[in-house]
Amino acid sequence: MRRALVLLALLWSPAFAQVPGLGVPPAPPEPAPPAETNLPTPSGLAQPTTGDEGGNSAAAAYGHFQRGYYLSALRMAEPLANLGDASAQTLLGEIYARGLGVPRDEAEAARWYGIAAKAGVPEAQFRYAMILIEGRAVPRDDASARDLMKAAADAGNPLAAFNYGQMLIQASPTGGFADALGYFQRAAEAGVPDAQYALAQLYAYGRGVAAGDDQQARQWLEKAARSGHDTAQIELGIWLINGRGGEKDPSEGFRWLKGAAERGNPIAVNRVAHLYKDGVGAPADRAEAARWTVLARRAANSDATLDAFFRQLPEAEQKTALEAANRTPAG
């Protein structure tokens, strides 16, 4: 699945509040035939709502697709697509877009997605809109992409709703937030992590809503964090430590930041070094603070306070920290 549009930096207020006292700058199916490749099944492809899985139908083709029999799915879908079956056309677009069982072919994917989009398939409208925005397999066409994205969003595609919300803000950086709110809300409630994070930002900074609401913001921030949104995890950790939008919970905040740091996020690495140094959310631990300070330097996200802390350590402790950092698995 193509990734949703990246959140535009100009749309949001500074994301990373400084933690007081830390000195942190912002900052199993049957075996497939040998000729087929059994790959993971994508989760986002819309399925036909009519027909059964018996015989040569779009539903049967999707059944093969779901079980990883991509060439069988392609062979079943192709004649149906040529006869105008929009579900089969969308399926072919997905197979060629991802190179499932066949060489990846962006042009062929675009052709099938485009045909299915004209037939009104929301999934195809979303995918073809993304292709038009990228302008690789077809000429870039932002206006057509916007129309298709809106159609897909209004038809209930959550990723399209999130992306169309961003388009509204991009078109009107001052007044687009209110129009985008409903689309973000719809996508967030459908479980799109980026939309959950975006909604948290709107509530946190009072954009598109009657007034800022830190409690609502924190709730959506937590949903995004639990959905795996790395930036939301870092912000949630900071909010928990600071008590923004609810009660303070330094130990839980530390847990979120430590997890992000262990996955290699440079901002989280910096903050964990400070937390260990100052004993916030976890017992003060000079050795761990030194190790994370070394890792922050390597991630190009140290700061004057951490540098000064490390310099005043005895040479033996500095050496131990360096050795411990060398043994730390890459995130």
Protein backbone atom coordinates (compact mmCIF):
# COMPACT_ATOMS: atom_id res chain seq x y z
CA MET A 1 0.00 0.00 0.00
CA ARG A 2 1.27 3.39 -0.86
CA ARG A 3 2.08 5.50 2.15
CA ALA A 4 -0.22 8.39 2.90
CA LEU A 5 1.00 11.89 2.26
CA VAL A 6 3.55 13.11 4.77
CA LEU A 7 2.26 15.65 7.26
CA LEU A 8 3.35 19.06 6.13
CA ALA A 9 5.63 20.79 8.60
CA LEU A 10 4.11 24.19 7.90
CA LEU A 11 0.74 23.03 9.16
CA TRP A 12 1.63 22.38 12.75
CA SER A 13 2.92 24.26 15.72
CA PRO A 14 6.25 23.00 17.16
CA ALA A 15 5.68 19.41 18.13
CA PHE A 16 8.20 18.75 20.82
CA ALA A 17 7.64 20.63 24.04
CA GLN A 18 10.64 20.87 26.27
CA VAL A 19 10.45 18.78 29.42
CA PRO A 20 10.98 21.13 32.37
CA GLY A 21 14.29 20.65 34.09
CA LEU A 22 15.74 18.36 31.43
CA GLY A 23 17.45 20.98 29.30
CA VAL A 24 16.21 19.26 26.14
CA PRO A 25 16.01 21.45 23.05
CA PRO A 26 12.85 21.26 20.88
CA ALA A 27 13.50 19.66 18.54
CA PRO A 28 -1.60 -21.80 6.57
CA PRO A 29 -3.02 -22.18 2.96
CA GLU A 30 -2.37 -25.10 0.62
CA PRO A 31 1.10 -24.98 -0.94
CA ALA A 32 1.20 -22.65 -3.90
CA PRO A 33 2.24 -24.00 -7.30
CA PRO A 34 6.02 -23.75 -7.79
CA ALA A 35 5.66 -20.97 -10.38
CA GLU A 36 4.03 -18.63 -7.85
CA THR A 37 5.58 -16.57 -5.09
CA ASN A 38 3.73 -16.80 -1.77
CA LEU A 39 4.06 -13.31 -0.33
CA PRO A 40 2.35 -11.58 2.59
CA THR A 41 -1.20 -10.51 1.84
CA PRO A 42 -1.79 -6.74 1.91
CA SER A 43 -4.50 -5.67 4.29
CA GLY A 44 -5.83 -2.52 2.66
CA LEU A 45 -7.25 -3.74 -0.64
CA ALA A 46 -11.00 -3.39 -0.97
CA GLN A 47 -12.81 -6.59 -1.89
CA PRO A 48 -15.79 -7.20 -4.18
CA THR A 49 -19.09 -7.07 -2.33
CA THR A 50 -20.93 -9.43 -4.69
CA GLY A 51 -20.33 -12.89 -6.11
CA ASP A 52 -19.00 -16.01 -4.44
CA GLU A 53 -15.54 -17.54 -4.47
CA GLY A 54 -16.51 -20.37 -6.78
CA GLY A 55 -15.85 -20.26 -10.50
CA ASN A 56 -14.22 -17.47 -12.42
CA SER A 57 -15.39 -14.37 -10.54
CA ALA A 58 -13.74 -11.34 -9.04
CA ALA A 59 -14.49 -12.75 -5.58
CA ALA A 60 -12.69 -15.97 -6.52
CA ALA A 61 -9.71 -13.97 -7.80
CA TYR A 62 -9.58 -12.05 -4.52
CA GLY A 63 -9.71 -15.35 -2.63
CA HIS A 64 -6.60 -16.55 -4.45
CA PHE A 65 -4.98 -13.17 -3.88
CA GLN A 66 -5.62 -13.32 -0.14
CA ARG A 67 -4.02 -16.76 0.08
CA GLY A 68 -0.92 -15.53 -1.73
CA TYR A 69 -1.60 -17.17 -5.11
CA TYR A 70 -0.93 -14.02 -7.07
CA LEU A 71 -0.43 -15.48 -10.53
CA SER A 72 -3.66 -17.45 -10.21
CA ALA A 73 -5.40 -14.28 -9.07
CA LEU A 74 -3.99 -12.38 -12.03
CA ARG A 75 -5.03 -15.07 -14.52
CA MET A 76 -8.57 -15.05 -13.13
CA ALA A 77 -8.86 -11.29 -12.88
CA GLU A 78 -7.46 -10.34 -16.29
CA PRO A 79 -10.35 -11.53 -18.51
CA LEU A 80 -12.86 -10.09 -16.06
CA ALA A 81 -11.06 -6.76 -16.03
CA ASN A 82 -11.04 -6.66 -19.82
CA LEU A 83 -14.82 -7.21 -19.70
CA GLY A 84 -15.21 -4.17 -17.44
CA ASP A 85 -15.27 -5.68 -13.94
CA ALA A 86 -14.06 -2.78 -11.80
CA SER A 87 -13.16 -4.99 -8.82
CA ALA A 88 -10.95 -7.13 -11.02
CA GLN A 89 -9.40 -3.99 -12.51
CA THR A 90 -8.55 -2.74 -9.03
CA LEU A 91 -7.02 -6.11 -8.16
CA LEU A 92 -4.81 -5.99 -11.25
CA GLY A 93 -3.71 -2.51 -10.27
CA GLU A 94 -2.63 -3.80 -6.87
CA ILE A 95 -0.78 -6.81 -8.28
CA TYR A 96 1.19 -4.72 -10.76
CA ALA A 97 1.78 -1.86 -8.33
CA ARG A 98 3.43 -4.15 -5.80
CA GLY A 99 4.99 -6.66 -8.18
CA LEU A 100 3.17 -9.61 -6.64
CA GLY A 101 4.11 -12.72 -8.62
CA VAL A 102 5.03 -10.53 -11.61
CA PRO A 103 7.59 -7.78 -12.17
CA ARG A 104 6.48 -4.48 -10.73
CA ASP A 105 4.95 -2.35 -13.46
CA GLU A 106 3.88 1.13 -12.38
CA ALA A 107 2.51 2.04 -15.78
CA GLU A 108 0.28 -1.04 -15.94
CA ALA A 109 -0.82 -0.46 -12.36
CA ALA A 110 -1.71 3.12 -13.18
CA ARG A 111 -3.66 2.02 -16.25
CA TRP A 112 -5.84 -0.40 -14.29
CA TYR A 113 -6.28 1.86 -11.29
CA GLY A 114 -7.27 4.68 -13.63
CA ILE A 115 -9.91 2.60 -15.37
CA ALA A 116 -11.35 1.38 -12.05
CA ALA A 117 -11.27 4.92 -10.65
CA LYS A 118 -13.44 6.13 -13.53
CA ALA A 119 -15.87 3.33 -12.63
CA GLY A 120 -16.15 4.82 -9.15
CA VAL A 121 -14.23 2.27 -7.03
CA PRO A 122 -13.09 4.22 -3.94
CA GLU A 123 -9.94 2.15 -3.43
CA ALA A 124 -8.91 2.69 -7.04
CA GLN A 125 -9.73 6.40 -6.79
CA PHE A 126 -7.43 6.70 -3.79
CA ARG A 127 -4.60 4.71 -5.38
CA TYR A 128 -4.84 6.56 -8.70
CA ALA A 129 -4.95 9.90 -6.91
CA MET A 130 -1.66 9.00 -5.20
CA ILE A 131 -0.17 8.06 -8.57
CA LEU A 132 -1.27 11.40 -10.04
CA ILE A 133 0.34 13.23 -7.13
CA GLU A 134 3.63 11.37 -7.57
CA GLY A 135 3.60 11.98 -11.33
CA ARG A 136 5.82 9.04 -12.19
CA ALA A 137 3.84 6.50 -14.21
CA VAL A 138 1.52 9.25 -15.48
CA PRO A 139 1.84 13.03 -15.79
CA ARG A 140 1.33 14.79 -12.49
CA ASP A 141 -2.18 16.21 -12.15
CA ASP A 142 -2.89 17.75 -8.76
CA ALA A 143 -6.39 18.95 -9.66
CA SER A 144 -7.57 15.52 -10.80
CA ALA A 145 -5.86 13.93 -7.80
CA ARG A 146 -7.74 16.26 -5.49
CA ASP A 147 -11.11 15.42 -7.10
CA LEU A 148 -10.44 11.69 -6.91
CA MET A 149 -9.21 11.90 -3.33
CA LYS A 150 -12.35 13.74 -2.28
CA ALA A 151 -14.56 11.19 -4.06
CA ALA A 152 -12.76 8.32 -2.31
CA ALA A 153 -12.88 10.10 1.04
CA ASP A 154 -16.59 10.87 0.73
CA ALA A 155 -17.18 7.21 -0.20
CA GLY A 156 -15.61 6.15 3.09
CA ASN A 157 -11.97 5.34 2.31
CA PRO A 158 -10.09 6.27 5.53
CA LEU A 159 -6.68 6.88 3.95
CA ALA A 160 -8.29 9.08 1.34
CA ALA A 161 -10.05 11.01 4.10
CA PHE A 162 -6.74 11.67 5.84
CA ASN A 163 -5.00 12.73 2.65
CA TYR A 164 -7.88 14.92 1.51
CA GLY A 165 -7.85 16.64 4.86
CA GLN A 166 -4.20 17.50 4.28
CA MET A 167 -5.01 18.76 0.81
CA LEU A 168 -7.58 21.13 2.29
CA ILE A 169 -5.01 22.55 4.67
CA GLN A 170 -2.38 22.79 1.97
CA ALA A 171 -4.82 24.74 -0.19
CA SER A 172 -5.70 27.06 2.68
CA PRO A 173 -3.07 27.08 5.45
CA THR A 174 -5.11 29.55 7.51
CA GLY A 175 -8.69 28.41 6.98
CA GLY A 176 -8.42 24.80 5.89
CA PHE A 177 -8.19 23.30 9.36
CA ALA A 178 -11.93 23.52 10.07
CA ASP A 179 -12.75 21.85 6.74
CA ALA A 180 -10.12 19.17 7.35
CA LEU A 181 -11.31 18.36 10.87
CA GLY A 182 -14.19 16.09 9.82
CA TYR A 183 -12.02 14.16 7.39
CA PHE A 184 -9.28 13.68 9.99
CA GLN A 185 -11.92 12.61 12.52
CA ARG A 186 -13.34 10.02 10.12
CA ALA A 187 -9.91 8.59 9.33
CA ALA A 188 -8.82 8.65 12.96
CA GLU A 189 -11.93 6.77 14.09
CA ALA A 190 -11.17 4.17 11.37
CA GLY A 191 -7.75 3.63 12.97
CA VAL A 192 -5.39 5.55 10.68
CA PRO A 193 -2.44 6.45 12.97
CA ASP A 194 -1.40 9.52 10.98
CA ALA A 195 -4.94 10.87 11.24
CA GLN A 196 -5.04 10.20 14.96
CA TYR A 197 -1.83 12.17 15.35
CA ALA A 198 -3.11 14.97 13.13
CA LEU A 199 -6.30 15.21 15.17
CA ALA A 200 -4.23 15.41 18.35
CA GLN A 201 -2.36 18.36 16.86
CA LEU A 202 -5.58 20.19 15.97
CA TYR A 203 -6.89 19.85 19.51
CA ALA A 204 -3.53 20.62 21.10
CA TYR A 205 -3.08 23.90 19.25
CA GLY A 206 -6.71 24.93 18.72
CA ARG A 207 -6.65 24.66 14.94
CA GLY A 208 -10.02 24.06 13.26
CA VAL A 209 -11.74 23.63 16.64
CA ALA A 210 -13.50 26.13 18.86
CA ALA A 211 -10.68 26.03 21.41
CA GLY A 212 -7.64 24.00 22.32
CA ASP A 213 -8.43 20.86 24.27
CA ASP A 214 -5.39 19.12 25.77
CA GLN A 215 -7.48 16.29 27.20
CA GLN A 216 -8.88 15.41 23.76
CA ALA A 217 -5.46 15.87 22.24
CA ARG A 218 -3.87 13.48 24.72
CA GLN A 219 -6.53 10.84 24.05
CA TRP A 220 -5.83 10.92 20.30
CA LEU A 221 -2.10 11.09 20.93
CA GLU A 222 -2.33 7.90 22.96
CA LYS A 223 -4.38 6.17 20.24
CA ALA A 224 -1.77 7.13 17.65
CA ALA A 225 1.05 6.02 19.92
CA ARG A 226 -0.59 2.65 20.55
CA SER A 227 -1.05 2.30 16.77
CA GLY A 228 2.73 2.60 16.36
CA HIS A 229 3.09 6.25 15.34
CA ASP A 230 6.64 7.03 16.45
CA THR A 231 6.28 10.80 16.73
CA ALA A 232 3.10 10.36 18.78
CA GLN A 233 4.94 8.00 21.09
CA ILE A 234 7.60 10.60 21.79
CA GLU A 235 5.11 13.40 22.32
CA LEU A 236 2.92 11.22 24.54
CA GLY A 237 5.95 10.41 26.66
CA ILE A 238 6.67 14.11 27.11
CA TRP A 239 3.02 14.94 27.85
CA LEU A 240 2.88 12.20 30.50
CA ILE A 241 6.03 13.51 32.16
CA ASN A 242 4.79 17.09 32.08
CA GLY A 243 1.21 16.22 33.03
CA ARG A 244 -0.22 17.91 29.96
CA GLY A 245 -3.81 16.89 29.17
CA GLY A 246 -4.10 14.75 32.30
CA GLU A 247 -2.29 13.51 35.36
CA LYS A 248 1.47 13.26 35.42
CA ASP A 249 2.84 9.76 34.95
CA PRO A 250 6.64 10.02 34.62
CA SER A 251 7.24 6.26 34.68
CA GLU A 252 4.78 5.70 31.82
CA GLY A 253 6.25 8.63 29.95
CA PHE A 254 9.70 7.15 30.41
CA ARG A 255 8.43 3.82 29.05
CA TRP A 256 7.16 5.40 25.84
CA LEU A 257 10.35 7.39 25.30
CA LYS A 258 12.61 4.44 26.12
CA GLY A 259 10.78 2.25 23.58
CA ALA A 260 11.18 4.89 20.87
CA ALA A 261 14.83 5.35 21.80
CA GLU A 262 15.51 1.62 21.59
CA ARG A 263 14.07 1.72 18.06
CA GLY A 264 16.63 4.38 17.22
CA ASN A 265 14.63 7.61 17.22
CA PRO A 266 17.21 10.39 17.75
CA ILE A 267 14.86 12.69 19.67
CA ALA A 268 13.90 9.91 22.07
CA VAL A 269 17.54 8.91 22.50
CA ASN A 270 18.35 12.44 23.63
CA ARG A 271 15.46 12.58 26.07
CA VAL A 272 16.21 9.18 27.60
CA ALA A 273 19.75 10.33 28.31
CA HIS A 274 18.34 13.30 30.20
CA LEU A 275 15.79 11.19 32.04
CA TYR A 276 18.46 8.81 33.32
CA LYS A 277 20.71 11.73 34.20
CA ASP A 278 18.03 13.52 36.21
CA GLY A 279 16.15 10.50 37.56
CA VAL A 280 12.82 11.39 35.92
CA GLY A 281 10.49 8.41 35.36
CA ALA A 282 13.26 6.01 36.37
CA PRO A 283 15.96 5.96 39.07
CA ALA A 284 18.91 8.18 38.26
CA ASP A 285 21.59 6.06 36.60
CA ARG A 286 24.83 7.76 35.65
CA ALA A 287 26.12 4.79 33.63
CA GLU A 288 22.92 4.58 31.59
CA ALA A 289 22.84 8.34 31.15
CA ALA A 290 26.40 8.21 29.82
CA ARG A 291 25.60 5.33 27.43
CA TRP A 292 22.58 7.14 26.02
CA THR A 293 24.58 10.35 25.77
CA VAL A 294 27.07 8.53 23.53
CA LEU A 295 24.19 7.19 21.45
CA ALA A 296 22.70 10.69 21.22
CA ARG A 297 26.02 12.01 19.89
CA ARG A 298 26.14 9.24 17.28
CA ALA A 299 22.58 10.13 16.27
CA ALA A 300 23.68 13.77 15.90
CA ASN A 301 21.20 14.81 18.57
CA SER A 302 23.26 15.64 21.63
CA ASP A 303 23.16 19.05 23.33
CA ALA A 304 25.32 21.26 25.50
CA THR A 305 23.92 19.89 28.77
CA LEU A 306 24.61 16.27 27.84
CA ASP A 307 28.04 17.14 26.47
CA ALA A 308 28.96 18.90 29.72
CA PHE A 309 27.65 15.95 31.76
CA PHE A 310 29.78 13.50 29.79
CA ARG A 311 32.94 15.61 29.95
CA GLN A 312 32.86 15.74 33.75
CA LEU A 313 32.73 11.95 34.05
CA PRO A 314 35.93 10.13 35.03
CA GLU A 315 37.81 8.70 32.07
CA ALA A 316 37.04 5.13 33.18
CA GLU A 317 33.28 5.85 33.14
CA GLN A 318 33.52 7.47 29.72
CA LYS A 319 35.30 4.39 28.40
CA THR A 320 32.68 2.09 29.93
CA ALA A 321 29.91 4.17 28.34
CA LEU A 322 31.56 3.98 24.93
CA GLU A 323 31.95 0.21 25.22
CA ALA A 324 28.31 -0.15 26.33
CA ALA A 325 27.14 2.00 23.42
CA ASN A 326 29.13 -0.20 21.04
CA ARG A 327 27.22 -3.23 22.34
CA THR A 328 23.84 -1.54 21.93
CA PRO A 329 21.88 -3.07 19.02
CA ALA A 330 21.05 -0.66 16.22
CA GLY A 331 17.42 0.50 16.30
